[in-house]
Amino acid sequence: MRFGKGISAKRLAEILGVSKAMVSHYESGRYKPSAKVIIRLERFFGIPAGELLAESDAEEDYRRLGSSERPTR
């Protein structure tokens, strides 16, 4: 999502109040964001939390399957 907005990991980290490394962990699926961070993501991207969580589940499925194609929504 951040790529679509043309925003760097550093800038998103500042917006979310977390480290750049934590943004990387969220994006890789290593860690899940806290409720507070999800609310900040929701506000910044203008996407309901349910959709954010559904997208992260799809990304997790994609990584787990090792698919060469990204999931579509």
PDB file of N, CA and C in Angstrom:
ATOM      1  N   MET A   1       0.813  -1.198   0.000  1.00  0.00           N
ATOM      2  CA  MET A   1       0.000   0.000   0.000  1.00  0.00           C
ATOM      3  C   MET A   1       0.851   1.254   0.000  1.00  0.00           C
ATOM      4  N   ARG A   2       1.931   1.228   0.776  1.00  0.00           N
ATOM      5  CA  ARG A   2       2.732   2.452   0.838  1.00  0.00           C
ATOM      6  C   ARG A   2       3.386   2.761  -0.501  1.00  0.00           C
ATOM      7  N   PHE A   3       3.673   1.722  -1.294  1.00  0.00           N
ATOM      8  CA  PHE A   3       4.277   1.953  -2.598  1.00  0.00           C
ATOM      9  C   PHE A   3       3.316   2.700  -3.511  1.00  0.00           C
ATOM     10  N   GLY A   4       2.040   2.380  -3.401  1.00  0.00           N
ATOM     11  CA  GLY A   4       1.018   3.060  -4.192  1.00  0.00           C
ATOM     12  C   GLY A   4       0.906   4.537  -3.857  1.00  0.00           C
ATOM     13  N   LYS A   5       1.245   4.874  -2.613  1.00  0.00           N
ATOM     14  CA  LYS A   5       1.222   6.279  -2.192  1.00  0.00           C
ATOM     15  C   LYS A   5       2.569   6.948  -2.393  1.00  0.00           C
ATOM     16  N   GLY A   6       3.590   6.173  -2.817  1.00  0.00           N
ATOM     17  CA  GLY A   6       4.921   6.734  -3.036  1.00  0.00           C
ATOM     18  C   GLY A   6       5.586   7.191  -1.744  1.00  0.00           C
ATOM     19  N   ILE A   7       5.379   6.441  -0.686  1.00  0.00           N
ATOM     20  CA  ILE A   7       5.896   6.819   0.624  1.00  0.00           C
ATOM     21  C   ILE A   7       6.999   5.847   1.055  1.00  0.00           C
ATOM     22  N   SER A   8       8.039   6.384   1.627  1.00  0.00           N
ATOM     23  CA  SER A   8       9.162   5.551   2.078  1.00  0.00           C
ATOM     24  C   SER A   8       8.831   4.857   3.396  1.00  0.00           C
ATOM     25  N   ALA A   9       9.570   3.795   3.679  1.00  0.00           N
ATOM     26  CA  ALA A   9       9.400   3.081   4.950  1.00  0.00           C
ATOM     27  C   ALA A   9       9.719   4.018   6.118  1.00  0.00           C
ATOM     28  N   LYS A  10      10.703   4.867   5.927  1.00  0.00           N
ATOM     29  CA  LYS A  10      11.082   5.815   6.990  1.00  0.00           C
ATOM     30  C   LYS A  10       9.933   6.769   7.292  1.00  0.00           C
ATOM     31  N   ARG A  11       9.303   7.298   6.254  1.00  0.00           N
ATOM     32  CA  ARG A  11       8.193   8.237   6.445  1.00  0.00           C
ATOM     33  C   ARG A  11       6.988   7.537   7.079  1.00  0.00           C
ATOM     34  N   LEU A  12       6.684   6.330   6.632  1.00  0.00           N
ATOM     35  CA  LEU A  12       5.571   5.602   7.219  1.00  0.00           C
ATOM     36  C   LEU A  12       5.855   5.313   8.696  1.00  0.00           C
ATOM     37  N   ALA A  13       7.089   4.982   9.011  1.00  0.00           N
ATOM     38  CA  ALA A  13       7.469   4.742  10.413  1.00  0.00           C
ATOM     39  C   ALA A  13       7.211   5.985  11.256  1.00  0.00           C
ATOM     40  N   GLU A  14       7.550   7.139  10.724  1.00  0.00           N
ATOM     41  CA  GLU A  14       7.307   8.395  11.451  1.00  0.00           C
ATOM     42  C   GLU A  14       5.812   8.601  11.685  1.00  0.00           C
ATOM     43  N   ILE A  15       5.010   8.341  10.671  1.00  0.00           N
ATOM     44  CA  ILE A  15       3.561   8.507  10.776  1.00  0.00           C
ATOM     45  C   ILE A  15       2.976   7.556  11.808  1.00  0.00           C
ATOM     46  N   LEU A  16       3.477   6.324  11.814  1.00  0.00           N
ATOM     47  CA  LEU A  16       2.945   5.303  12.713  1.00  0.00           C
ATOM     48  C   LEU A  16       3.529   5.369  14.120  1.00  0.00           C
ATOM     49  N   GLY A  17       4.642   6.082  14.274  1.00  0.00           N
ATOM     50  CA  GLY A  17       5.285   6.167  15.581  1.00  0.00           C
ATOM     51  C   GLY A  17       6.059   4.905  15.939  1.00  0.00           C
ATOM     52  N   VAL A  18       6.604   4.253  14.908  1.00  0.00           N
ATOM     53  CA  VAL A  18       7.411   3.052  15.109  1.00  0.00           C
ATOM     54  C   VAL A  18       8.735   3.222  14.359  1.00  0.00           C
ATOM     55  N   SER A  19       9.628   2.257  14.511  1.00  0.00           N
ATOM     56  CA  SER A  19      10.900   2.326  13.800  1.00  0.00           C
ATOM     57  C   SER A  19      10.737   1.861  12.351  1.00  0.00           C
ATOM     58  N   LYS A  20      11.689   2.239  11.520  1.00  0.00           N
ATOM     59  CA  LYS A  20      11.711   1.789  10.129  1.00  0.00           C
ATOM     60  C   LYS A  20      11.819   0.262  10.088  1.00  0.00           C
ATOM     61  N   ALA A  21      12.592  -0.305  10.999  1.00  0.00           N
ATOM     62  CA  ALA A  21      12.728  -1.764  11.063  1.00  0.00           C
ATOM     63  C   ALA A  21      11.385  -2.421  11.360  1.00  0.00           C
ATOM     64  N   MET A  22      10.582  -1.802  12.219  1.00  0.00           N
ATOM     65  CA  MET A  22       9.281  -2.376  12.552  1.00  0.00           C
ATOM     66  C   MET A  22       8.362  -2.360  11.335  1.00  0.00           C
ATOM     67  N   VAL A  23       8.409  -1.301  10.537  1.00  0.00           N
ATOM     68  CA  VAL A  23       7.628  -1.254   9.296  1.00  0.00           C
ATOM     69  C   VAL A  23       8.032  -2.431   8.406  1.00  0.00           C
ATOM     70  N   SER A  24       9.326  -2.679   8.308  1.00  0.00           N
ATOM     71  CA  SER A  24       9.818  -3.802   7.521  1.00  0.00           C
ATOM     72  C   SER A  24       9.283  -5.128   8.061  1.00  0.00           C
ATOM     73  N   HIS A  25       9.254  -5.269   9.373  1.00  0.00           N
ATOM     74  CA  HIS A  25       8.728  -6.492   9.998  1.00  0.00           C
ATOM     75  C   HIS A  25       7.232  -6.657   9.704  1.00  0.00           C
ATOM     76  N   TYR A  26       6.482  -5.560   9.740  1.00  0.00           N
ATOM     77  CA  TYR A  26       5.055  -5.632   9.413  1.00  0.00           C
ATOM     78  C   TYR A  26       4.884  -6.081   7.960  1.00  0.00           C
ATOM     79  N   GLU A  27       5.653  -5.470   7.067  1.00  0.00           N
ATOM     80  CA  GLU A  27       5.520  -5.769   5.643  1.00  0.00           C
ATOM     81  C   GLU A  27       5.926  -7.204   5.316  1.00  0.00           C
ATOM     82  N   SER A  28       6.898  -7.727   6.039  1.00  0.00           N
ATOM     83  CA  SER A  28       7.346  -9.101   5.780  1.00  0.00           C
ATOM     84  C   SER A  28       6.465 -10.141   6.457  1.00  0.00           C
ATOM     85  N   GLY A  29       5.611  -9.674   7.369  1.00  0.00           N
ATOM     86  CA  GLY A  29       4.752 -10.594   8.094  1.00  0.00           C
ATOM     87  C   GLY A  29       5.380 -11.180   9.339  1.00  0.00           C
ATOM     88  N   ARG A  30       6.577 -10.721   9.661  1.00  0.00           N
ATOM     89  CA  ARG A  30       7.255 -11.235  10.856  1.00  0.00           C
ATOM     90  C   ARG A  30       6.509 -10.855  12.130  1.00  0.00           C
ATOM     91  N   TYR A  31       6.004  -9.621  12.172  1.00  0.00           N
ATOM     92  CA  TYR A  31       5.216  -9.141  13.310  1.00  0.00           C
ATOM     93  C   TYR A  31       3.903  -8.569  12.801  1.00  0.00           C
ATOM     94  N   LYS A  32       2.899  -8.616  13.643  1.00  0.00           N
ATOM     95  CA  LYS A  32       1.599  -8.004  13.348  1.00  0.00           C
ATOM     96  C   LYS A  32       1.540  -6.663  14.082  1.00  0.00           C
ATOM     97  N   PRO A  33       0.984  -5.632  13.451  1.00  0.00           N
ATOM     98  CA  PRO A  33       0.878  -4.335  14.119  1.00  0.00           C
ATOM     99  C   PRO A  33      -0.120  -4.375  15.274  1.00  0.00           C
ATOM    100  N   SER A  34       0.136  -3.533  16.262  1.00  0.00           N
ATOM    101  CA  SER A  34      -0.775  -3.406  17.403  1.00  0.00           C
ATOM    102  C   SER A  34      -2.063  -2.716  16.946  1.00  0.00           C
ATOM    103  N   ALA A  35      -3.067  -2.755  17.803  1.00  0.00           N
ATOM    104  CA  ALA A  35      -4.334  -2.086  17.492  1.00  0.00           C
ATOM    105  C   ALA A  35      -4.114  -0.597  17.236  1.00  0.00           C
ATOM    106  N   LYS A  36      -3.241   0.021  18.023  1.00  0.00           N
ATOM    107  CA  LYS A  36      -2.966   1.454  17.852  1.00  0.00           C
ATOM    108  C   LYS A  36      -2.364   1.726  16.471  1.00  0.00           C
ATOM    109  N   VAL A  37      -1.462   0.874  16.041  1.00  0.00           N
ATOM    110  CA  VAL A  37      -0.833   1.048  14.729  1.00  0.00           C
ATOM    111  C   VAL A  37      -1.856   0.785  13.620  1.00  0.00           C
ATOM    112  N   ILE A  38      -2.708  -0.206  13.803  1.00  0.00           N
ATOM    113  CA  ILE A  38      -3.744  -0.486  12.800  1.00  0.00           C
ATOM    114  C   ILE A  38      -4.661   0.720  12.633  1.00  0.00           C
ATOM    115  N   ILE A  39      -5.020   1.365  13.726  1.00  0.00           N
ATOM    116  CA  ILE A  39      -5.860   2.567  13.654  1.00  0.00           C
ATOM    117  C   ILE A  39      -5.139   3.670  12.888  1.00  0.00           C
ATOM    118  N   ARG A  40      -3.851   3.831  13.135  1.00  0.00           N
ATOM    119  CA  ARG A  40      -3.078   4.856  12.407  1.00  0.00           C
ATOM    120  C   ARG A  40      -3.004   4.523  10.925  1.00  0.00           C
ATOM    121  N   LEU A  41      -2.820   3.234  10.605  1.00  0.00           N
ATOM    122  CA  LEU A  41      -2.806   2.812   9.195  1.00  0.00           C
ATOM    123  C   LEU A  41      -4.152   3.098   8.537  1.00  0.00           C
ATOM    124  N   GLU A  42      -5.206   2.771   9.250  1.00  0.00           N
ATOM    125  CA  GLU A  42      -6.563   2.988   8.756  1.00  0.00           C
ATOM    126  C   GLU A  42      -6.783   4.462   8.427  1.00  0.00           C
ATOM    127  N   ARG A  43      -6.381   5.321   9.329  1.00  0.00           N
ATOM    128  CA  ARG A  43      -6.559   6.769   9.116  1.00  0.00           C
ATOM    129  C   ARG A  43      -5.698   7.279   7.972  1.00  0.00           C
ATOM    130  N   PHE A  44      -4.448   6.843   7.922  1.00  0.00           N
ATOM    131  CA  PHE A  44      -3.538   7.342   6.896  1.00  0.00           C
ATOM    132  C   PHE A  44      -3.960   6.906   5.499  1.00  0.00           C
ATOM    133  N   PHE A  45      -4.266   5.605   5.350  1.00  0.00           N
ATOM    134  CA  PHE A  45      -4.601   5.090   4.034  1.00  0.00           C
ATOM    135  C   PHE A  45      -6.075   5.238   3.684  1.00  0.00           C
ATOM    136  N   GLY A  46      -6.918   5.557   4.682  1.00  0.00           N
ATOM    137  CA  GLY A  46      -8.340   5.703   4.426  1.00  0.00           C
ATOM    138  C   GLY A  46      -9.014   4.383   4.089  1.00  0.00           C
ATOM    139  N   ILE A  47      -8.505   3.324   4.684  1.00  0.00           N
ATOM    140  CA  ILE A  47      -9.031   1.982   4.440  1.00  0.00           C
ATOM    141  C   ILE A  47      -9.501   1.405   5.773  1.00  0.00           C
ATOM    142  N   PRO A  48     -10.713   0.848   5.827  1.00  0.00           N
ATOM    143  CA  PRO A  48     -11.191   0.254   7.079  1.00  0.00           C
ATOM    144  C   PRO A  48     -10.251  -0.851   7.581  1.00  0.00           C
ATOM    145  N   ALA A  49     -10.148  -0.961   8.893  1.00  0.00           N
ATOM    146  CA  ALA A  49      -9.247  -1.933   9.512  1.00  0.00           C
ATOM    147  C   ALA A  49      -9.514  -3.346   9.005  1.00  0.00           C
ATOM    148  N   GLY A  50     -10.768  -3.698   8.803  1.00  0.00           N
ATOM    149  CA  GLY A  50     -11.091  -5.035   8.306  1.00  0.00           C
ATOM    150  C   GLY A  50     -10.446  -5.333   6.968  1.00  0.00           C
ATOM    151  N   GLU A  51     -10.416  -4.342   6.094  1.00  0.00           N
ATOM    152  CA  GLU A  51      -9.769  -4.521   4.794  1.00  0.00           C
ATOM    153  C   GLU A  51      -8.264  -4.612   4.941  1.00  0.00           C
ATOM    154  N   LEU A  52      -7.696  -3.813   5.842  1.00  0.00           N
ATOM    155  CA  LEU A  52      -6.263  -3.892   6.099  1.00  0.00           C
ATOM    156  C   LEU A  52      -5.884  -5.284   6.579  1.00  0.00           C
ATOM    157  N   LEU A  53      -6.658  -5.810   7.497  1.00  0.00           N
ATOM    158  CA  LEU A  53      -6.364  -7.129   8.051  1.00  0.00           C
ATOM    159  C   LEU A  53      -6.582  -8.219   7.005  1.00  0.00           C
ATOM    160  N   ALA A  54      -7.600  -8.081   6.178  1.00  0.00           N
ATOM    161  CA  ALA A  54      -7.845  -9.062   5.112  1.00  0.00           C
ATOM    162  C   ALA A  54      -6.686  -9.076   4.130  1.00  0.00           C
ATOM    163  N   GLU A  55      -6.158  -7.888   3.813  1.00  0.00           N
ATOM    164  CA  GLU A  55      -5.026  -7.821   2.896  1.00  0.00           C
ATOM    165  C   GLU A  55      -3.799  -8.461   3.510  1.00  0.00           C
ATOM    166  N   SER A  56      -3.566  -8.238   4.802  1.00  0.00           N
ATOM    167  CA  SER A  56      -2.394  -8.841   5.434  1.00  0.00           C
ATOM    168  C   SER A  56      -2.535 -10.358   5.465  1.00  0.00           C
ATOM    169  N   ASP A  57      -3.773 -10.878   5.626  1.00  0.00           N
ATOM    170  CA  ASP A  57      -3.987 -12.325   5.582  1.00  0.00           C
ATOM    171  C   ASP A  57      -3.680 -12.867   4.190  1.00  0.00           C
ATOM    172  N   ALA A  58      -4.084 -12.148   3.152  1.00  0.00           N
ATOM    173  CA  ALA A  58      -3.808 -12.576   1.781  1.00  0.00           C
ATOM    174  C   ALA A  58      -2.308 -12.582   1.523  1.00  0.00           C
ATOM    175  N   GLU A  59      -1.600 -11.566   2.005  1.00  0.00           N
ATOM    176  CA  GLU A  59      -0.146 -11.506   1.848  1.00  0.00           C
ATOM    177  C   GLU A  59       0.520 -12.668   2.581  1.00  0.00           C
ATOM    178  N   GLU A  60       0.014 -12.993   3.765  1.00  0.00           N
ATOM    179  CA  GLU A  60       0.574 -14.111   4.528  1.00  0.00           C
ATOM    180  C   GLU A  60       0.368 -15.425   3.769  1.00  0.00           C
ATOM    181  N   ASP A  61      -0.808 -15.615   3.191  1.00  0.00           N
ATOM    182  CA  ASP A  61      -1.073 -16.806   2.396  1.00  0.00           C
ATOM    183  C   ASP A  61      -0.114 -16.884   1.214  1.00  0.00           C
ATOM    184  N   TYR A  62       0.104 -15.756   0.566  1.00  0.00           N
ATOM    185  CA  TYR A  62       1.009 -15.675  -0.582  1.00  0.00           C
ATOM    186  C   TYR A  62       2.415 -16.110  -0.186  1.00  0.00           C
ATOM    187  N   ARG A  63       2.910 -15.598   0.935  1.00  0.00           N
ATOM    188  CA  ARG A  63       4.258 -15.964   1.398  1.00  0.00           C
ATOM    189  C   ARG A  63       4.323 -17.442   1.773  1.00  0.00           C
ATOM    190  N   ARG A  64       3.312 -17.915   2.463  1.00  0.00           N
ATOM    191  CA  ARG A  64       3.300 -19.298   2.927  1.00  0.00           C
ATOM    192  C   ARG A  64       3.306 -20.269   1.741  1.00  0.00           C
ATOM    193  N   LEU A  65       2.566 -19.936   0.695  1.00  0.00           N
ATOM    194  CA  LEU A  65       2.494 -20.811  -0.471  1.00  0.00           C
ATOM    195  C   LEU A  65       3.712 -20.683  -1.383  1.00  0.00           C
ATOM    196  N   GLY A  66       4.463 -19.591  -1.227  1.00  0.00           N
ATOM    197  CA  GLY A  66       5.623 -19.374  -2.077  1.00  0.00           C
ATOM    198  C   GLY A  66       5.236 -19.179  -3.534  1.00  0.00           C
ATOM    199  N   SER A  67       4.052 -18.640  -3.733  1.00  0.00           N
ATOM    200  CA  SER A  67       3.527 -18.454  -5.071  1.00  0.00           C
ATOM    201  C   SER A  67       4.318 -17.406  -5.844  1.00  0.00           C
ATOM    202  N   SER A  68       4.398 -17.615  -7.157  1.00  0.00           N
ATOM    203  CA  SER A  68       5.052 -16.625  -8.004  1.00  0.00           C
ATOM    204  C   SER A  68       4.090 -15.521  -8.394  1.00  0.00           C
ATOM    205  N   GLU A  69       2.805 -15.709  -8.076  1.00  0.00           N
ATOM    206  CA  GLU A  69       1.814 -14.686  -8.371  1.00  0.00           C
ATOM    207  C   GLU A  69       1.242 -14.145  -7.084  1.00  0.00           C
ATOM    208  N   ARG A  70       1.050 -12.843  -7.042  1.00  0.00           N
ATOM    209  CA  ARG A  70       0.481 -12.205  -5.863  1.00  0.00           C
ATOM    210  C   ARG A  70      -1.026 -12.460  -5.843  1.00  0.00           C
ATOM    211  N   PRO A  71      -1.604 -12.551  -4.654  1.00  0.00           N
ATOM    212  CA  PRO A  71      -3.053 -12.753  -4.586  1.00  0.00           C
ATOM    213  C   PRO A  71      -3.796 -11.541  -5.111  1.00  0.00           C
ATOM    214  N   THR A  72      -4.949 -11.774  -5.687  1.00  0.00           N
ATOM    215  CA  THR A  72      -5.770 -10.670  -6.156  1.00  0.00           C
ATOM    216  C   THR A  72      -6.952 -10.507  -5.236  1.00  0.00           C
ATOM    217  N   ARG A  73      -7.481  -9.302  -5.184  1.00  0.00           N
ATOM    218  CA  ARG A  73      -8.630  -9.006  -4.326  1.00  0.00           C
ATOM    219  C   ARG A  73      -9.717  -8.382  -5.136  1.00  0.00           C
TER     220      ARG A  73
END
